[in-house]
Amino acid sequence: MKIHFPHDAPQYCGPDLVVTFPALVDGERIDCSITAEALEDHFGAPSSREEDAMRAFDHHRHRIEHAARRMLEEVGKKPVILHSGYFRFYD
């Protein structure tokens, strides 16, 4: 399975409190997300506000994409959501 993360701008979804970013898995676009809670708990975001979550994502994008890659390798071509617990146990 070939996984690539294009440098498209991530999107913040306020109602869901997630930052969503794309992955290309064997050429197919798959949405990946990380919760604002995970960004607060593990990546230094001071709050779940958009500007705080996006800044934490930008500063730690490589590490977050690495975690998304591991999850995509486990679940295949399905959207993934990285919750705080994932980083507690697998990071």
PDB file of N, CA and C in Angstrom:
ATOM      1  N   MET A   1       0.844  -1.164   0.000  1.00  0.00           N
ATOM      2  CA  MET A   1       0.000   0.000   0.000  1.00  0.00           C
ATOM      3  C   MET A   1       0.900   1.240   0.000  1.00  0.00           C
ATOM      4  N   LYS A   2       0.654   2.139  -0.953  1.00  0.00           N
ATOM      5  CA  LYS A   2       1.439   3.367  -1.057  1.00  0.00           C
ATOM      6  C   LYS A   2       0.639   4.516  -0.435  1.00  0.00           C
ATOM      7  N   ILE A   3       1.227   5.149   0.581  1.00  0.00           N
ATOM      8  CA  ILE A   3       0.561   6.240   1.297  1.00  0.00           C
ATOM      9  C   ILE A   3       1.394   7.506   1.149  1.00  0.00           C
ATOM     10  N   HIS A   4       0.732   8.572   0.728  1.00  0.00           N
ATOM     11  CA  HIS A   4       1.387   9.871   0.532  1.00  0.00           C
ATOM     12  C   HIS A   4       0.495  10.949   1.143  1.00  0.00           C
ATOM     13  N   PHE A   5       1.107  11.943   1.768  1.00  0.00           N
ATOM     14  CA  PHE A   5       0.365  13.058   2.344  1.00  0.00           C
ATOM     15  C   PHE A   5       0.676  14.322   1.547  1.00  0.00           C
ATOM     16  N   PRO A   6      -0.275  14.780   0.713  1.00  0.00           N
ATOM     17  CA  PRO A   6      -0.051  16.017  -0.023  1.00  0.00           C
ATOM     18  C   PRO A   6      -0.022  17.195   0.956  1.00  0.00           C
ATOM     19  N   HIS A   7       0.591  18.262   0.571  1.00  0.00           N
ATOM     20  CA  HIS A   7       0.707  19.420   1.459  1.00  0.00           C
ATOM     21  C   HIS A   7      -0.476  20.365   1.312  1.00  0.00           C
ATOM     22  N   ASP A   8      -1.660  19.803   1.126  1.00  0.00           N
ATOM     23  CA  ASP A   8      -2.879  20.611   1.083  1.00  0.00           C
ATOM     24  C   ASP A   8      -3.116  21.215   2.463  1.00  0.00           C
ATOM     25  N   ALA A   9      -3.762  22.346   2.488  1.00  0.00           N
ATOM     26  CA  ALA A   9      -4.057  22.994   3.760  1.00  0.00           C
ATOM     27  C   ALA A   9      -5.055  22.146   4.555  1.00  0.00           C
ATOM     28  N   PRO A  10      -4.791  21.933   5.835  1.00  0.00           N
ATOM     29  CA  PRO A  10      -5.745  21.207   6.664  1.00  0.00           C
ATOM     30  C   PRO A  10      -6.987  22.066   6.891  1.00  0.00           C
ATOM     31  N   GLN A  11      -8.072  21.432   7.270  1.00  0.00           N
ATOM     32  CA  GLN A  11      -9.327  22.136   7.517  1.00  0.00           C
ATOM     33  C   GLN A  11      -9.770  21.889   8.954  1.00  0.00           C
ATOM     34  N   TYR A  12     -10.212  22.942   9.621  1.00  0.00           N
ATOM     35  CA  TYR A  12     -10.726  22.819  10.980  1.00  0.00           C
ATOM     36  C   TYR A  12     -12.241  22.717  10.912  1.00  0.00           C
ATOM     37  N   CYS A  13     -12.805  21.748  11.618  1.00  0.00           N
ATOM     38  CA  CYS A  13     -14.261  21.582  11.676  1.00  0.00           C
ATOM     39  C   CYS A  13     -14.693  21.854  13.115  1.00  0.00           C
ATOM     40  N   GLY A  14     -15.239  23.060  13.343  1.00  0.00           N
ATOM     41  CA  GLY A  14     -15.646  23.468  14.679  1.00  0.00           C
ATOM     42  C   GLY A  14     -16.694  22.580  15.317  1.00  0.00           C
ATOM     43  N   PRO A  15     -17.763  22.208  14.603  1.00  0.00           N
ATOM     44  CA  PRO A  15     -18.778  21.366  15.236  1.00  0.00           C
ATOM     45  C   PRO A  15     -18.242  20.006  15.703  1.00  0.00           C
ATOM     46  N   ASP A  16     -17.266  19.457  14.965  1.00  0.00           N
ATOM     47  CA  ASP A  16     -16.702  18.152  15.332  1.00  0.00           C
ATOM     48  C   ASP A  16     -15.414  18.270  16.144  1.00  0.00           C
ATOM     49  N   LEU A  17     -14.863  19.482  16.237  1.00  0.00           N
ATOM     50  CA  LEU A  17     -13.605  19.729  16.951  1.00  0.00           C
ATOM     51  C   LEU A  17     -12.481  18.828  16.436  1.00  0.00           C
ATOM     52  N   VAL A  18     -12.286  18.849  15.119  1.00  0.00           N
ATOM     53  CA  VAL A  18     -11.215  18.076  14.494  1.00  0.00           C
ATOM     54  C   VAL A  18     -10.513  18.919  13.438  1.00  0.00           C
ATOM     55  N   VAL A  19      -9.271  18.563  13.180  1.00  0.00           N
ATOM     56  CA  VAL A  19      -8.529  19.093  12.041  1.00  0.00           C
ATOM     57  C   VAL A  19      -8.433  17.942  11.046  1.00  0.00           C
ATOM     58  N   THR A  20      -8.884  18.186   9.820  1.00  0.00           N
ATOM     59  CA  THR A  20      -8.899  17.154   8.785  1.00  0.00           C
ATOM     60  C   THR A  20      -7.830  17.476   7.749  1.00  0.00           C
ATOM     61  N   PHE A  21      -7.136  16.424   7.315  1.00  0.00           N
ATOM     62  CA  PHE A  21      -6.070  16.562   6.326  1.00  0.00           C
ATOM     63  C   PHE A  21      -6.125  15.347   5.406  1.00  0.00           C
ATOM     64  N   PRO A  22      -5.676  15.504   4.160  1.00  0.00           N
ATOM     65  CA  PRO A  22      -5.801  14.406   3.196  1.00  0.00           C
ATOM     66  C   PRO A  22      -4.611  13.454   3.206  1.00  0.00           C
ATOM     67  N   ALA A  23      -4.913  12.233   2.826  1.00  0.00           N
ATOM     68  CA  ALA A  23      -3.884  11.240   2.510  1.00  0.00           C
ATOM     69  C   ALA A  23      -4.247  10.668   1.150  1.00  0.00           C
ATOM     70  N   LEU A  24      -3.255  10.272   0.402  1.00  0.00           N
ATOM     71  CA  LEU A  24      -3.484   9.538  -0.838  1.00  0.00           C
ATOM     72  C   LEU A  24      -3.017   8.114  -0.595  1.00  0.00           C
ATOM     73  N   VAL A  25      -3.948   7.184  -0.667  1.00  0.00           N
ATOM     74  CA  VAL A  25      -3.644   5.773  -0.450  1.00  0.00           C
ATOM     75  C   VAL A  25      -3.840   5.063  -1.778  1.00  0.00           C
ATOM     76  N   ASP A  26      -2.730   4.615  -2.352  1.00  0.00           N
ATOM     77  CA  ASP A  26      -2.753   4.014  -3.695  1.00  0.00           C
ATOM     78  C   ASP A  26      -3.476   4.931  -4.680  1.00  0.00           C
ATOM     79  N   GLY A  27      -3.232   6.245  -4.536  1.00  0.00           N
ATOM     80  CA  GLY A  27      -3.810   7.233  -5.434  1.00  0.00           C
ATOM     81  C   GLY A  27      -5.210   7.690  -5.082  1.00  0.00           C
ATOM     82  N   GLU A  28      -5.849   7.076  -4.089  1.00  0.00           N
ATOM     83  CA  GLU A  28      -7.208   7.433  -3.688  1.00  0.00           C
ATOM     84  C   GLU A  28      -7.163   8.381  -2.489  1.00  0.00           C
ATOM     85  N   ARG A  29      -7.893   9.485  -2.587  1.00  0.00           N
ATOM     86  CA  ARG A  29      -7.916  10.468  -1.497  1.00  0.00           C
ATOM     87  C   ARG A  29      -8.728   9.923  -0.323  1.00  0.00           C
ATOM     88  N   ILE A  30      -8.111   9.938   0.849  1.00  0.00           N
ATOM     89  CA  ILE A  30      -8.739   9.477   2.089  1.00  0.00           C
ATOM     90  C   ILE A  30      -8.615  10.608   3.106  1.00  0.00           C
ATOM     91  N   ASP A  31      -9.711  10.920   3.791  1.00  0.00           N
ATOM     92  CA  ASP A  31      -9.667  11.942   4.828  1.00  0.00           C
ATOM     93  C   ASP A  31      -9.121  11.365   6.125  1.00  0.00           C
ATOM     94  N   CYS A  32      -8.208  12.095   6.721  1.00  0.00           N
ATOM     95  CA  CYS A  32      -7.675  11.772   8.036  1.00  0.00           C
ATOM     96  C   CYS A  32      -7.996  12.959   8.938  1.00  0.00           C
ATOM     97  N   SER A  33      -8.267  12.684  10.194  1.00  0.00           N
ATOM     98  CA  SER A  33      -8.558  13.749  11.143  1.00  0.00           C
ATOM     99  C   SER A  33      -7.864  13.481  12.454  1.00  0.00           C
ATOM    100  N   ILE A  34      -7.604  14.558  13.179  1.00  0.00           N
ATOM    101  CA  ILE A  34      -7.106  14.468  14.546  1.00  0.00           C
ATOM    102  C   ILE A  34      -8.009  15.351  15.396  1.00  0.00           C
ATOM    103  N   THR A  35      -8.378  14.860  16.557  1.00  0.00           N
ATOM    104  CA  THR A  35      -9.273  15.629  17.414  1.00  0.00           C
ATOM    105  C   THR A  35      -8.531  16.782  18.074  1.00  0.00           C
ATOM    106  N   ALA A  36      -9.286  17.831  18.374  1.00  0.00           N
ATOM    107  CA  ALA A  36      -8.721  18.968  19.106  1.00  0.00           C
ATOM    108  C   ALA A  36      -8.232  18.499  20.472  1.00  0.00           C
ATOM    109  N   GLU A  37      -8.918  17.540  21.060  1.00  0.00           N
ATOM    110  CA  GLU A  37      -8.486  16.999  22.357  1.00  0.00           C
ATOM    111  C   GLU A  37      -7.089  16.378  22.245  1.00  0.00           C
ATOM    112  N   ALA A  38      -6.840  15.615  21.195  1.00  0.00           N
ATOM    113  CA  ALA A  38      -5.519  15.016  21.000  1.00  0.00           C
ATOM    114  C   ALA A  38      -4.471  16.101  20.797  1.00  0.00           C
ATOM    115  N   LEU A  39      -4.833  17.160  20.075  1.00  0.00           N
ATOM    116  CA  LEU A  39      -3.887  18.261  19.864  1.00  0.00           C
ATOM    117  C   LEU A  39      -3.579  18.969  21.186  1.00  0.00           C
ATOM    118  N   GLU A  40      -4.569  19.074  22.056  1.00  0.00           N
ATOM    119  CA  GLU A  40      -4.339  19.665  23.377  1.00  0.00           C
ATOM    120  C   GLU A  40      -3.498  18.739  24.253  1.00  0.00           C
ATOM    121  N   ASP A  41      -3.869  17.475  24.296  1.00  0.00           N
ATOM    122  CA  ASP A  41      -3.234  16.513  25.204  1.00  0.00           C
ATOM    123  C   ASP A  41      -1.798  16.169  24.813  1.00  0.00           C
ATOM    124  N   HIS A  42      -1.507  16.142  23.521  1.00  0.00           N
ATOM    125  CA  HIS A  42      -0.219  15.600  23.078  1.00  0.00           C
ATOM    126  C   HIS A  42       0.633  16.544  22.224  1.00  0.00           C
ATOM    127  N   PHE A  43       0.061  17.650  21.753  1.00  0.00           N
ATOM    128  CA  PHE A  43       0.802  18.511  20.846  1.00  0.00           C
ATOM    129  C   PHE A  43       0.809  19.981  21.266  1.00  0.00           C
ATOM    130  N   GLY A  44       0.456  20.248  22.497  1.00  0.00           N
ATOM    131  CA  GLY A  44       0.622  21.580  23.060  1.00  0.00           C
ATOM    132  C   GLY A  44      -0.400  22.632  22.694  1.00  0.00           C
ATOM    133  N   ALA A  45      -1.519  22.252  22.070  1.00  0.00           N
ATOM    134  CA  ALA A  45      -2.556  23.252  21.788  1.00  0.00           C
ATOM    135  C   ALA A  45      -3.134  23.728  23.127  1.00  0.00           C
ATOM    136  N   PRO A  46      -3.159  25.040  23.382  1.00  0.00           N
ATOM    137  CA  PRO A  46      -3.672  25.521  24.662  1.00  0.00           C
ATOM    138  C   PRO A  46      -5.188  25.424  24.800  1.00  0.00           C
ATOM    139  N   SER A  47      -5.895  25.260  23.682  1.00  0.00           N
ATOM    140  CA  SER A  47      -7.354  25.118  23.720  1.00  0.00           C
ATOM    141  C   SER A  47      -7.808  24.442  22.435  1.00  0.00           C
ATOM    142  N   SER A  48      -9.114  24.227  22.331  1.00  0.00           N
ATOM    143  CA  SER A  48      -9.654  23.612  21.116  1.00  0.00           C
ATOM    144  C   SER A  48     -10.093  24.660  20.095  1.00  0.00           C
ATOM    145  N   ARG A  49      -9.784  25.927  20.363  1.00  0.00           N
ATOM    146  CA  ARG A  49     -10.101  26.971  19.385  1.00  0.00           C
ATOM    147  C   ARG A  49      -9.349  26.710  18.087  1.00  0.00           C
ATOM    148  N   GLU A  50      -9.948  27.160  16.992  1.00  0.00           N
ATOM    149  CA  GLU A  50      -9.377  26.890  15.675  1.00  0.00           C
ATOM    150  C   GLU A  50      -7.919  27.318  15.561  1.00  0.00           C
ATOM    151  N   GLU A  51      -7.603  28.537  15.968  1.00  0.00           N
ATOM    152  CA  GLU A  51      -6.231  29.015  15.794  1.00  0.00           C
ATOM    153  C   GLU A  51      -5.234  28.209  16.629  1.00  0.00           C
ATOM    154  N   ASP A  52      -5.632  27.756  17.811  1.00  0.00           N
ATOM    155  CA  ASP A  52      -4.742  26.948  18.643  1.00  0.00           C
ATOM    156  C   ASP A  52      -4.546  25.554  18.062  1.00  0.00           C
ATOM    157  N   ALA A  53      -5.649  24.948  17.611  1.00  0.00           N
ATOM    158  CA  ALA A  53      -5.570  23.602  17.037  1.00  0.00           C
ATOM    159  C   ALA A  53      -4.748  23.599  15.746  1.00  0.00           C
ATOM    160  N   MET A  54      -4.976  24.608  14.908  1.00  0.00           N
ATOM    161  CA  MET A  54      -4.252  24.672  13.631  1.00  0.00           C
ATOM    162  C   MET A  54      -2.762  24.921  13.846  1.00  0.00           C
ATOM    163  N   ARG A  55      -2.416  25.752  14.810  1.00  0.00           N
ATOM    164  CA  ARG A  55      -1.006  26.021  15.090  1.00  0.00           C
ATOM    165  C   ARG A  55      -0.313  24.745  15.592  1.00  0.00           C
ATOM    166  N   ALA A  56      -0.972  24.017  16.495  1.00  0.00           N
ATOM    167  CA  ALA A  56      -0.398  22.766  16.997  1.00  0.00           C
ATOM    168  C   ALA A  56      -0.253  21.752  15.860  1.00  0.00           C
ATOM    169  N   PHE A  57      -1.267  21.671  14.996  1.00  0.00           N
ATOM    170  CA  PHE A  57      -1.184  20.756  13.861  1.00  0.00           C
ATOM    171  C   PHE A  57       0.001  21.126  12.966  1.00  0.00           C
ATOM    172  N   ASP A  58       0.113  22.392  12.628  1.00  0.00           N
ATOM    173  CA  ASP A  58       1.196  22.835  11.743  1.00  0.00           C
ATOM    174  C   ASP A  58       2.576  22.528  12.322  1.00  0.00           C
ATOM    175  N   HIS A  59       2.733  22.725  13.618  1.00  0.00           N
ATOM    176  CA  HIS A  59       4.031  22.488  14.248  1.00  0.00           C
ATOM    177  C   HIS A  59       4.378  21.002  14.365  1.00  0.00           C
ATOM    178  N   HIS A  60       3.372  20.156  14.360  1.00  0.00           N
ATOM    179  CA  HIS A  60       3.604  18.721  14.577  1.00  0.00           C
ATOM    180  C   HIS A  60       3.062  17.868  13.432  1.00  0.00           C
ATOM    181  N   ARG A  61       2.893  18.475  12.273  1.00  0.00           N
ATOM    182  CA  ARG A  61       2.279  17.776  11.142  1.00  0.00           C
ATOM    183  C   ARG A  61       2.996  16.469  10.802  1.00  0.00           C
ATOM    184  N   HIS A  62       4.311  16.476  10.791  1.00  0.00           N
ATOM    185  CA  HIS A  62       5.055  15.268  10.425  1.00  0.00           C
ATOM    186  C   HIS A  62       4.722  14.113  11.378  1.00  0.00           C
ATOM    187  N   ARG A  63       4.731  14.377  12.656  1.00  0.00           N
ATOM    188  CA  ARG A  63       4.436  13.331  13.653  1.00  0.00           C
ATOM    189  C   ARG A  63       2.982  12.854  13.547  1.00  0.00           C
ATOM    190  N   ILE A  64       2.064  13.783  13.288  1.00  0.00           N
ATOM    191  CA  ILE A  64       0.645  13.431  13.144  1.00  0.00           C
ATOM    192  C   ILE A  64       0.443  12.593  11.878  1.00  0.00           C
ATOM    193  N   GLU A  65       1.075  12.970  10.786  1.00  0.00           N
ATOM    194  CA  GLU A  65       0.969  12.184   9.552  1.00  0.00           C
ATOM    195  C   GLU A  65       1.583  10.802   9.735  1.00  0.00           C
ATOM    196  N   HIS A  66       2.652  10.705  10.505  1.00  0.00           N
ATOM    197  CA  HIS A  66       3.255   9.396  10.781  1.00  0.00           C
ATOM    198  C   HIS A  66       2.256   8.498  11.512  1.00  0.00           C
ATOM    199  N   ALA A  67       1.547   9.053  12.485  1.00  0.00           N
ATOM    200  CA  ALA A  67       0.528   8.278  13.206  1.00  0.00           C
ATOM    201  C   ALA A  67      -0.611   7.882  12.269  1.00  0.00           C
ATOM    202  N   ALA A  68      -1.028   8.798  11.403  1.00  0.00           N
ATOM    203  CA  ALA A  68      -2.097   8.490  10.447  1.00  0.00           C
ATOM    204  C   ALA A  68      -1.652   7.387   9.487  1.00  0.00           C
ATOM    205  N   ARG A  69      -0.386   7.419   9.082  1.00  0.00           N
ATOM    206  CA  ARG A  69       0.141   6.371   8.196  1.00  0.00           C
ATOM    207  C   ARG A  69       0.024   5.003   8.872  1.00  0.00           C
ATOM    208  N   ARG A  70       0.422   4.931  10.139  1.00  0.00           N
ATOM    209  CA  ARG A  70       0.331   3.649  10.865  1.00  0.00           C
ATOM    210  C   ARG A  70      -1.109   3.158  10.925  1.00  0.00           C
ATOM    211  N   MET A  71      -2.040   4.081  11.199  1.00  0.00           N
ATOM    212  CA  MET A  71      -3.433   3.670  11.287  1.00  0.00           C
ATOM    213  C   MET A  71      -3.963   3.247   9.917  1.00  0.00           C
ATOM    214  N   LEU A  72      -3.615   3.972   8.866  1.00  0.00           N
ATOM    215  CA  LEU A  72      -4.054   3.600   7.520  1.00  0.00           C
ATOM    216  C   LEU A  72      -3.511   2.229   7.128  1.00  0.00           C
ATOM    217  N   GLU A  73      -2.295   1.919   7.525  1.00  0.00           N
ATOM    218  CA  GLU A  73      -1.732   0.600   7.236  1.00  0.00           C
ATOM    219  C   GLU A  73      -2.534  -0.504   7.928  1.00  0.00           C
ATOM    220  N   GLU A  74      -3.153  -0.180   9.051  1.00  0.00           N
ATOM    221  CA  GLU A  74      -3.974  -1.169   9.776  1.00  0.00           C
ATOM    222  C   GLU A  74      -5.373  -1.303   9.199  1.00  0.00           C
ATOM    223  N   VAL A  75      -5.996  -0.166   8.814  1.00  0.00           N
ATOM    224  CA  VAL A  75      -7.400  -0.210   8.404  1.00  0.00           C
ATOM    225  C   VAL A  75      -7.609  -0.163   6.897  1.00  0.00           C
ATOM    226  N   GLY A  76      -6.582   0.163   6.142  1.00  0.00           N
ATOM    227  CA  GLY A  76      -6.725   0.227   4.691  1.00  0.00           C
ATOM    228  C   GLY A  76      -7.283   1.562   4.234  1.00  0.00           C
ATOM    229  N   LYS A  77      -8.003   1.541   3.151  1.00  0.00           N
ATOM    230  CA  LYS A  77      -8.500   2.766   2.513  1.00  0.00           C
ATOM    231  C   LYS A  77      -9.796   3.240   3.153  1.00  0.00           C
ATOM    232  N   LYS A  78      -9.719   3.562   4.440  1.00  0.00           N
ATOM    233  CA  LYS A  78     -10.877   4.062   5.178  1.00  0.00           C
ATOM    234  C   LYS A  78     -10.459   5.332   5.901  1.00  0.00           C
ATOM    235  N   PRO A  79     -11.379   6.291   6.041  1.00  0.00           N
ATOM    236  CA  PRO A  79     -11.050   7.502   6.801  1.00  0.00           C
ATOM    237  C   PRO A  79     -10.629   7.135   8.226  1.00  0.00           C
ATOM    238  N   VAL A  80      -9.676   7.900   8.760  1.00  0.00           N
ATOM    239  CA  VAL A  80      -9.214   7.648  10.121  1.00  0.00           C
ATOM    240  C   VAL A  80      -9.362   8.915  10.959  1.00  0.00           C
ATOM    241  N   ILE A  81      -9.628   8.708  12.248  1.00  0.00           N
ATOM    242  CA  ILE A  81      -9.678   9.792  13.219  1.00  0.00           C
ATOM    243  C   ILE A  81      -8.716   9.432  14.337  1.00  0.00           C
ATOM    244  N   LEU A  82      -7.753  10.296  14.551  1.00  0.00           N
ATOM    245  CA  LEU A  82      -6.768  10.089  15.606  1.00  0.00           C
ATOM    246  C   LEU A  82      -7.265  10.756  16.877  1.00  0.00           C
ATOM    247  N   HIS A  83      -7.598   9.944  17.861  1.00  0.00           N
ATOM    248  CA  HIS A  83      -8.064  10.420  19.162  1.00  0.00           C
ATOM    249  C   HIS A  83      -6.891  10.471  20.130  1.00  0.00           C
ATOM    250  N   SER A  84      -7.078  11.134  21.220  1.00  0.00           N
ATOM    251  CA  SER A  84      -6.035  11.272  22.232  1.00  0.00           C
ATOM    252  C   SER A  84      -5.529   9.906  22.709  1.00  0.00           C
ATOM    253  N   GLY A  85      -6.419   8.962  22.888  1.00  0.00           N
ATOM    254  CA  GLY A  85      -6.026   7.634  23.365  1.00  0.00           C
ATOM    255  C   GLY A  85      -5.058   6.933  22.442  1.00  0.00           C
ATOM    256  N   TYR A  86      -5.149   7.185  21.143  1.00  0.00           N
ATOM    257  CA  TYR A  86      -4.226   6.568  20.205  1.00  0.00           C
ATOM    258  C   TYR A  86      -2.795   6.940  20.559  1.00  0.00           C
ATOM    259  N   PHE A  87      -2.577   8.204  20.855  1.00  0.00           N
ATOM    260  CA  PHE A  87      -1.218   8.658  21.162  1.00  0.00           C
ATOM    261  C   PHE A  87      -0.755   8.187  22.528  1.00  0.00           C
ATOM    262  N   ARG A  88      -1.676   7.977  23.457  1.00  0.00           N
ATOM    263  CA  ARG A  88      -1.300   7.446  24.769  1.00  0.00           C
ATOM    264  C   ARG A  88      -0.751   6.034  24.655  1.00  0.00           C
ATOM    265  N   PHE A  89      -1.309   5.254  23.740  1.00  0.00           N
ATOM    266  CA  PHE A  89      -0.937   3.854  23.660  1.00  0.00           C
ATOM    267  C   PHE A  89       0.049   3.526  22.542  1.00  0.00           C
ATOM    268  N   TYR A  90       0.084   4.322  21.479  1.00  0.00           N
ATOM    269  CA  TYR A  90       0.885   3.947  20.322  1.00  0.00           C
ATOM    270  C   TYR A  90       1.995   4.924  19.974  1.00  0.00           C
ATOM    271  N   ASP A  91       2.078   6.019  20.676  1.00  0.00           N
ATOM    272  CA  ASP A  91       3.093   7.001  20.312  1.00  0.00           C
ATOM    273  C   ASP A  91       4.307   6.885  21.204  1.00  0.00           C
TER     274      ASP A  91
END
